[in-house]
Every structure is written in structure tokens, then in C-alpha cells.
Amino acid sequence: DDRPQGEGRAPASYPRAVSDAVLQPVRLEPLPPEPLVSVLVPNKDYGRFLTAALDSIRAQTYVNLEVIVCDDGSSDDSRDVIASYGGDVMPIFKENGGQASAFNAGLARSTGDVVIFLDADDMLAADIGERVVAAFGADRSLVKVQYPLEVIDDPLHLPVRFRPRLEALDVGAHIVVVFADPTGQFLNLLVA
């Protein structure tokens, strides 16, 4: 490719798969008045946490939701937990392929205008659905909303709230935003 780096190409220092990709802006349509929110929950042997995760989705103040649980080959009681939610949950049962494949399978089945990813051992605050919809509705240039995280290390301790630290790195024509927790461990990476 003879194009300079600044014209839709990732910097040369990026791994080959990223540097070969053509980066194009995406135009997002306005959200409908009451957008459907898909909550995708990948699960692999987390039956002991799954009830808390699904109950936190049930407790959302935003009600136009679809809940998709993609079980990635669990051997524990996860299927029973999922079944106990009946029609409130769209189950996907597949052979183990890893967390990313479970997210992808759930995403392929989702019909929502907005997608929230929730790990099976995490919980959503009751107003997250409302806040995410409001953020996306207010600014259609957003492609990701990162809400505050609470670390719950023991049921007897109160959660500790923190906002992920954002670090923007200028790498030529692209901005790489790194979301990191207070310990410095990376949570997410967004290339814009």
C-alpha cells in the first residue's frame, strides 16, 4: 500500500493484523425513542456468580432489554441457572471456544440498538441501562461508554468505586485510548 500512514492506515509500529486494516469512520444512525438494549453475558462455569449477574440485569430501571447468555461449554450448574430465568433470558449453548467467541455468538443473536457486555461474574448498577442509553442518545459519535466500576472483593465489604484512568496516546493520525484501573492493569483499548 502506497498511502501515507495518515490516510486510513494504522501506524507501522502496530502489529501486522492492525496495520493491514483499513480504518474507516462509521456513521451511526440516530437512536429510536426507546432503543432496545441487548445485554450479552458470556459464561463458562460461573454458575455460582450467574444469578447475581442476571438479577442485576432484571433490576435495571431501563426496561427495554433483551438478555442473552452464551454458555461456553460449562460443566457446572450454569445451564440450570440459565433455565431458571425462563423466557427472560435468551440462552445460547455452544462448545468451549473462549470468552471472545461467546461474546461473538451473543452479538450475532442480539437485536438491540445498544449493546452492554457483562461478564458472568460481574453485576450492573440498577441505572446503567438508562445512563448508557442517555449517553449514546446525546452524542452519536460515541462508539463506547465506560461506566464507573466497583470492585467487590468480599460479600461482607462495601464495594470500592473507581473510574478507570484514561490515557490517550497520539500515534500519528490515530488516537489510542487506554482504560486502566488504579493498579495499572489495562482494562480496554480503543483505537480512534
C-alpha atoms as a PDB file:
ATOM      1  CA  ASP A   1       0.000   0.000   0.000  1.00  0.00           C
ATOM      2  CA  ASP A   2       1.481   3.323  -1.078  1.00  0.00           C
ATOM      3  CA  ARG A   3      -0.793   5.506   1.042  1.00  0.00           C
ATOM      4  CA  PRO A   4       0.891   7.560   3.776  1.00  0.00           C
ATOM      5  CA  GLN A   5       0.152   6.468   7.345  1.00  0.00           C
ATOM      6  CA  GLY A   6      -2.246   9.356   7.991  1.00  0.00           C
ATOM      7  CA  GLU A   7      -4.672   8.269   5.262  1.00  0.00           C
ATOM      8  CA  GLY A   8      -6.691   5.427   6.785  1.00  0.00           C
ATOM      9  CA  ARG A   9      -3.705   3.250   7.721  1.00  0.00           C
ATOM     10  CA  ALA A  10      -2.556   2.229  11.150  1.00  0.00           C
ATOM     11  CA  PRO A  11       0.975   3.282  12.157  1.00  0.00           C
ATOM     12  CA  ALA A  12       3.794   0.988  11.017  1.00  0.00           C
ATOM     13  CA  SER A  13       4.589   0.122  14.642  1.00  0.00           C
ATOM     14  CA  TYR A  14       1.206  -1.671  15.031  1.00  0.00           C
ATOM     15  CA  PRO A  15       1.024  -5.462  14.761  1.00  0.00           C
ATOM     16  CA  ARG A  16       0.602  -6.639  11.165  1.00  0.00           C
ATOM     17  CA  ALA A  17      -3.106  -7.521  11.536  1.00  0.00           C
ATOM     18  CA  VAL A  18      -3.857  -3.974  12.709  1.00  0.00           C
ATOM     19  CA  SER A  19      -1.507  -2.248  10.272  1.00  0.00           C
ATOM     20  CA  ASP A  20      -3.085  -4.091   7.311  1.00  0.00           C
ATOM     21  CA  ALA A  21      -6.590  -2.994   8.320  1.00  0.00           C
ATOM     22  CA  VAL A  22      -8.116  -0.006   6.601  1.00  0.00           C
ATOM     23  CA  LEU A  23      -9.556   2.291   9.245  1.00  0.00           C
ATOM     24  CA  GLN A  24     -12.779   3.973   8.136  1.00  0.00           C
ATOM     25  CA  PRO A  25     -15.177   6.186  10.112  1.00  0.00           C
ATOM     26  CA  VAL A  26     -18.595   4.705  10.865  1.00  0.00           C
ATOM     27  CA  ARG A  27     -21.769   6.772  10.583  1.00  0.00           C
ATOM     28  CA  LEU A  28     -24.267   5.922  13.279  1.00  0.00           C
ATOM     29  CA  GLU A  29     -27.990   6.471  12.781  1.00  0.00           C
ATOM     30  CA  PRO A  30     -29.977   8.290  15.491  1.00  0.00           C
ATOM     31  CA  LEU A  31     -31.322   6.020  18.204  1.00  0.00           C
ATOM     32  CA  PRO A  32     -35.061   5.314  18.233  1.00  0.00           C
ATOM     33  CA  PRO A  33     -37.034   6.932  21.102  1.00  0.00           C
ATOM     34  CA  GLU A  34     -36.879   3.770  23.280  1.00  0.00           C
ATOM     35  CA  PRO A  35     -33.891   1.811  21.952  1.00  0.00           C
ATOM     36  CA  LEU A  36     -33.625  -1.891  22.646  1.00  0.00           C
ATOM     37  CA  VAL A  37     -30.604  -2.676  24.818  1.00  0.00           C
ATOM     38  CA  SER A  38     -29.005  -6.102  24.411  1.00  0.00           C
ATOM     39  CA  VAL A  39     -27.108  -7.290  27.481  1.00  0.00           C
ATOM     40  CA  LEU A  40     -24.654 -10.032  26.499  1.00  0.00           C
ATOM     41  CA  VAL A  41     -23.331 -12.336  29.204  1.00  0.00           C
ATOM     42  CA  PRO A  42     -20.669 -14.895  28.303  1.00  0.00           C
ATOM     43  CA  ASN A  43     -20.413 -17.726  30.792  1.00  0.00           C
ATOM     44  CA  LYS A  44     -18.055 -20.632  31.395  1.00  0.00           C
ATOM     45  CA  ASP A  45     -18.508 -22.499  34.685  1.00  0.00           C
ATOM     46  CA  TYR A  46     -19.629 -19.379  36.585  1.00  0.00           C
ATOM     47  CA  GLY A  47     -22.970 -20.751  37.743  1.00  0.00           C
ATOM     48  CA  ARG A  48     -22.151 -19.607  41.288  1.00  0.00           C
ATOM     49  CA  PHE A  49     -21.996 -15.960  40.074  1.00  0.00           C
ATOM     50  CA  LEU A  50     -24.547 -16.053  37.260  1.00  0.00           C
ATOM     51  CA  THR A  51     -27.635 -15.488  39.431  1.00  0.00           C
ATOM     52  CA  ALA A  52     -26.218 -12.226  40.795  1.00  0.00           C
ATOM     53  CA  ALA A  53     -25.316 -11.056  37.282  1.00  0.00           C
ATOM     54  CA  LEU A  54     -28.752 -11.889  35.855  1.00  0.00           C
ATOM     55  CA  ASP A  55     -30.580 -10.437  38.861  1.00  0.00           C
ATOM     56  CA  SER A  56     -28.654  -7.186  38.382  1.00  0.00           C
ATOM     57  CA  ILE A  57     -29.963  -7.070  34.802  1.00  0.00           C
ATOM     58  CA  ARG A  58     -33.501  -7.788  35.998  1.00  0.00           C
ATOM     59  CA  ALA A  59     -33.184  -4.876  38.449  1.00  0.00           C
ATOM     60  CA  GLN A  60     -32.460  -2.333  35.689  1.00  0.00           C
ATOM     61  CA  THR A  61     -34.563   0.823  35.738  1.00  0.00           C
ATOM     62  CA  TYR A  62     -34.410   0.781  31.932  1.00  0.00           C
ATOM     63  CA  VAL A  63     -36.843  -1.924  30.860  1.00  0.00           C
ATOM     64  CA  ASN A  64     -36.499  -2.285  27.067  1.00  0.00           C
ATOM     65  CA  LEU A  65     -33.889  -5.030  27.371  1.00  0.00           C
ATOM     66  CA  GLU A  66     -33.027  -8.366  25.844  1.00  0.00           C
ATOM     67  CA  VAL A  67     -30.725 -10.608  27.845  1.00  0.00           C
ATOM     68  CA  ILE A  68     -28.523 -13.108  26.035  1.00  0.00           C
ATOM     69  CA  VAL A  69     -26.431 -15.607  27.971  1.00  0.00           C
ATOM     70  CA  CYS A  70     -23.911 -17.508  25.897  1.00  0.00           C
ATOM     71  CA  ASP A  71     -22.753 -20.560  27.778  1.00  0.00           C
ATOM     72  CA  ASP A  72     -19.341 -21.581  26.501  1.00  0.00           C
ATOM     73  CA  GLY A  73     -19.372 -25.296  27.339  1.00  0.00           C
ATOM     74  CA  SER A  74     -19.909 -25.138  31.108  1.00  0.00           C
ATOM     75  CA  SER A  75     -19.708 -28.310  33.170  1.00  0.00           C
ATOM     76  CA  ASP A  76     -21.166 -26.830  36.376  1.00  0.00           C
ATOM     77  CA  ASP A  77     -24.808 -25.908  37.155  1.00  0.00           C
ATOM     78  CA  SER A  78     -24.834 -22.949  34.733  1.00  0.00           C
ATOM     79  CA  ARG A  79     -27.478 -24.498  32.447  1.00  0.00           C
ATOM     80  CA  ASP A  80     -29.849 -24.917  35.404  1.00  0.00           C
ATOM     81  CA  VAL A  81     -29.295 -21.313  36.486  1.00  0.00           C
ATOM     82  CA  ILE A  82     -29.954 -20.066  32.942  1.00  0.00           C
ATOM     83  CA  ALA A  83     -33.068 -22.259  32.627  1.00  0.00           C
ATOM     84  CA  SER A  84     -34.450 -20.862  35.908  1.00  0.00           C
ATOM     85  CA  TYR A  85     -34.891 -17.468  34.184  1.00  0.00           C
ATOM     86  CA  GLY A  86     -37.202 -18.972  31.547  1.00  0.00           C
ATOM     87  CA  GLY A  87     -38.169 -16.586  28.763  1.00  0.00           C
ATOM     88  CA  ASP A  88     -36.398 -13.632  30.429  1.00  0.00           C
ATOM     89  CA  VAL A  89     -33.093 -14.910  29.038  1.00  0.00           C
ATOM     90  CA  MET A  90     -32.164 -15.969  25.510  1.00  0.00           C
ATOM     91  CA  PRO A  91     -29.765 -18.889  26.032  1.00  0.00           C
ATOM     92  CA  ILE A  92     -27.031 -19.896  23.624  1.00  0.00           C
ATOM     93  CA  PHE A  93     -25.244 -23.153  24.387  1.00  0.00           C
ATOM     94  CA  LYS A  94     -22.037 -23.840  22.490  1.00  0.00           C
ATOM     95  CA  GLU A  95     -18.828 -25.811  22.768  1.00  0.00           C
ATOM     96  CA  ASN A  96     -15.980 -24.076  24.531  1.00  0.00           C
ATOM     97  CA  GLY A  97     -14.299 -21.565  22.250  1.00  0.00           C
ATOM     98  CA  GLY A  98     -13.257 -18.876  24.714  1.00  0.00           C
ATOM     99  CA  GLN A  99     -14.806 -15.669  26.015  1.00  0.00           C
ATOM    100  CA  ALA A 100     -14.432 -13.753  22.743  1.00  0.00           C
ATOM    101  CA  SER A 101     -16.249 -16.490  20.808  1.00  0.00           C
ATOM    102  CA  ALA A 102     -19.055 -16.404  23.391  1.00  0.00           C
ATOM    103  CA  PHE A 103     -19.364 -12.614  23.006  1.00  0.00           C
ATOM    104  CA  ASN A 104     -19.378 -13.003  19.225  1.00  0.00           C
ATOM    105  CA  ALA A 105     -22.096 -15.683  19.347  1.00  0.00           C
ATOM    106  CA  GLY A 106     -24.210 -13.448  21.580  1.00  0.00           C
ATOM    107  CA  LEU A 107     -23.621 -10.427  19.392  1.00  0.00           C
ATOM    108  CA  ALA A 108     -24.701 -12.394  16.313  1.00  0.00           C
ATOM    109  CA  ARG A 109     -28.052 -13.150  18.011  1.00  0.00           C
ATOM    110  CA  SER A 110     -28.625  -9.706  19.512  1.00  0.00           C
ATOM    111  CA  THR A 111     -31.168  -7.337  18.001  1.00  0.00           C
ATOM    112  CA  GLY A 112     -30.506  -4.336  20.233  1.00  0.00           C
ATOM    113  CA  ASP A 113     -29.722  -0.792  19.187  1.00  0.00           C
ATOM    114  CA  VAL A 114     -27.234  -0.617  22.074  1.00  0.00           C
ATOM    115  CA  VAL A 115     -25.152  -3.498  23.455  1.00  0.00           C
ATOM    116  CA  ILE A 116     -23.889  -3.869  27.006  1.00  0.00           C
ATOM    117  CA  PHE A 117     -21.272  -6.564  27.684  1.00  0.00           C
ATOM    118  CA  LEU A 118     -21.424  -8.079  31.166  1.00  0.00           C
ATOM    119  CA  ASP A 119     -19.116 -10.822  32.419  1.00  0.00           C
ATOM    120  CA  ALA A 120     -20.947 -13.603  34.270  1.00  0.00           C
ATOM    121  CA  ASP A 121     -19.093 -12.786  37.497  1.00  0.00           C
ATOM    122  CA  ASP A 122     -19.990  -9.070  37.374  1.00  0.00           C
ATOM    123  CA  MET A 123     -23.136  -7.082  38.192  1.00  0.00           C
ATOM    124  CA  LEU A 124     -24.688  -3.932  36.741  1.00  0.00           C
ATOM    125  CA  ALA A 125     -25.784  -0.994  38.882  1.00  0.00           C
ATOM    126  CA  ALA A 126     -29.553  -0.559  38.511  1.00  0.00           C
ATOM    127  CA  ASP A 127     -29.310   2.630  36.423  1.00  0.00           C
ATOM    128  CA  ILE A 128     -26.584   1.570  33.968  1.00  0.00           C
ATOM    129  CA  GLY A 129     -29.019   0.809  31.146  1.00  0.00           C
ATOM    130  CA  GLU A 130     -30.588   4.269  31.442  1.00  0.00           C
ATOM    131  CA  ARG A 131     -27.226   6.011  31.663  1.00  0.00           C
ATOM    132  CA  VAL A 132     -25.745   4.158  28.673  1.00  0.00           C
ATOM    133  CA  VAL A 133     -28.811   4.897  26.510  1.00  0.00           C
ATOM    134  CA  ALA A 134     -28.711   8.568  27.567  1.00  0.00           C
ATOM    135  CA  ALA A 135     -25.011   8.847  26.702  1.00  0.00           C
ATOM    136  CA  PHE A 136     -25.401   7.253  23.274  1.00  0.00           C
ATOM    137  CA  GLY A 137     -28.549   9.290  22.601  1.00  0.00           C
ATOM    138  CA  ALA A 138     -26.827  12.555  23.490  1.00  0.00           C
ATOM    139  CA  ASP A 139     -23.752  12.004  21.313  1.00  0.00           C
ATOM    140  CA  ARG A 140     -23.993   9.659  18.305  1.00  0.00           C
ATOM    141  CA  SER A 141     -20.262   9.969  17.696  1.00  0.00           C
ATOM    142  CA  LEU A 142     -19.712   7.719  20.728  1.00  0.00           C
ATOM    143  CA  VAL A 143     -18.815   4.113  19.996  1.00  0.00           C
ATOM    144  CA  LYS A 144     -18.180   3.007  23.592  1.00  0.00           C
ATOM    145  CA  VAL A 145     -19.362   4.118  27.003  1.00  0.00           C
ATOM    146  CA  GLN A 146     -17.241   3.168  30.030  1.00  0.00           C
ATOM    147  CA  TYR A 147     -19.173   3.445  33.259  1.00  0.00           C
ATOM    148  CA  PRO A 148     -17.676   3.502  36.759  1.00  0.00           C
ATOM    149  CA  LEU A 149     -16.600   0.138  38.121  1.00  0.00           C
ATOM    150  CA  GLU A 150     -16.990  -1.149  41.651  1.00  0.00           C
ATOM    151  CA  VAL A 151     -14.624  -3.784  42.969  1.00  0.00           C
ATOM    152  CA  ILE A 152     -16.381  -6.263  45.230  1.00  0.00           C
ATOM    153  CA  ASP A 153     -13.765  -8.472  46.841  1.00  0.00           C
ATOM    154  CA  ASP A 154     -15.884  -9.995  49.597  1.00  0.00           C
ATOM    155  CA  PRO A 155     -19.643 -10.060  50.230  1.00  0.00           C
ATOM    156  CA  LEU A 156     -19.096  -8.510  53.676  1.00  0.00           C
ATOM    157  CA  HIS A 157     -17.191  -5.477  52.392  1.00  0.00           C
ATOM    158  CA  LEU A 158     -18.672  -2.446  50.720  1.00  0.00           C
ATOM    159  CA  PRO A 159     -17.615  -2.040  47.104  1.00  0.00           C
ATOM    160  CA  VAL A 160     -14.888   0.447  46.239  1.00  0.00           C
ATOM    161  CA  ARG A 161     -15.876   2.709  43.347  1.00  0.00           C
ATOM    162  CA  PHE A 162     -13.310   3.940  40.865  1.00  0.00           C
ATOM    163  CA  ARG A 163     -13.331   5.494  37.460  1.00  0.00           C
ATOM    164  CA  PRO A 164     -10.894   3.917  35.036  1.00  0.00           C
ATOM    165  CA  ARG A 165      -7.947   6.149  34.274  1.00  0.00           C
ATOM    166  CA  LEU A 166      -7.865   7.226  30.664  1.00  0.00           C
ATOM    167  CA  GLU A 167      -4.599   7.701  28.847  1.00  0.00           C
ATOM    168  CA  ALA A 168      -4.576   8.990  25.291  1.00  0.00           C
ATOM    169  CA  LEU A 169      -1.526   8.246  23.184  1.00  0.00           C
ATOM    170  CA  ASP A 170      -1.027  10.134  19.934  1.00  0.00           C
ATOM    171  CA  VAL A 171       0.269   7.680  17.341  1.00  0.00           C
ATOM    172  CA  GLY A 172       0.179   9.740  14.194  1.00  0.00           C
ATOM    173  CA  ALA A 173      -3.292  10.130  12.711  1.00  0.00           C
ATOM    174  CA  HIS A 174      -4.865   7.816  15.294  1.00  0.00           C
ATOM    175  CA  ILE A 175      -5.536   8.164  18.993  1.00  0.00           C
ATOM    176  CA  VAL A 176      -5.199   5.102  21.194  1.00  0.00           C
ATOM    177  CA  VAL A 177      -7.177   5.388  24.415  1.00  0.00           C
ATOM    178  CA  VAL A 178      -6.142   3.012  27.177  1.00  0.00           C
ATOM    179  CA  PHE A 179      -8.557   2.381  30.033  1.00  0.00           C
ATOM    180  CA  ALA A 180      -6.649   1.311  33.131  1.00  0.00           C
ATOM    181  CA  ASP A 181      -7.669   0.559  36.693  1.00  0.00           C
ATOM    182  CA  PRO A 182      -5.914   2.110  39.718  1.00  0.00           C
ATOM    183  CA  THR A 183      -3.480  -0.799  39.902  1.00  0.00           C
ATOM    184  CA  GLY A 184      -2.298  -0.017  36.378  1.00  0.00           C
ATOM    185  CA  GLN A 185      -3.723  -3.159  34.794  1.00  0.00           C
ATOM    186  CA  PHE A 186      -5.236  -2.479  31.394  1.00  0.00           C
ATOM    187  CA  LEU A 187      -8.982  -2.937  31.055  1.00  0.00           C
ATOM    188  CA  ASN A 188      -9.629  -1.924  27.479  1.00  0.00           C
ATOM    189  CA  LEU A 189      -8.088  -0.426  24.378  1.00  0.00           C
ATOM    190  CA  LEU A 190      -9.859   1.766  21.839  1.00  0.00           C
ATOM    191  CA  VAL A 191      -8.239   2.914  18.609  1.00  0.00           C
ATOM    192  CA  ALA A 192      -9.853   6.034  17.156  1.00  0.00           C
END
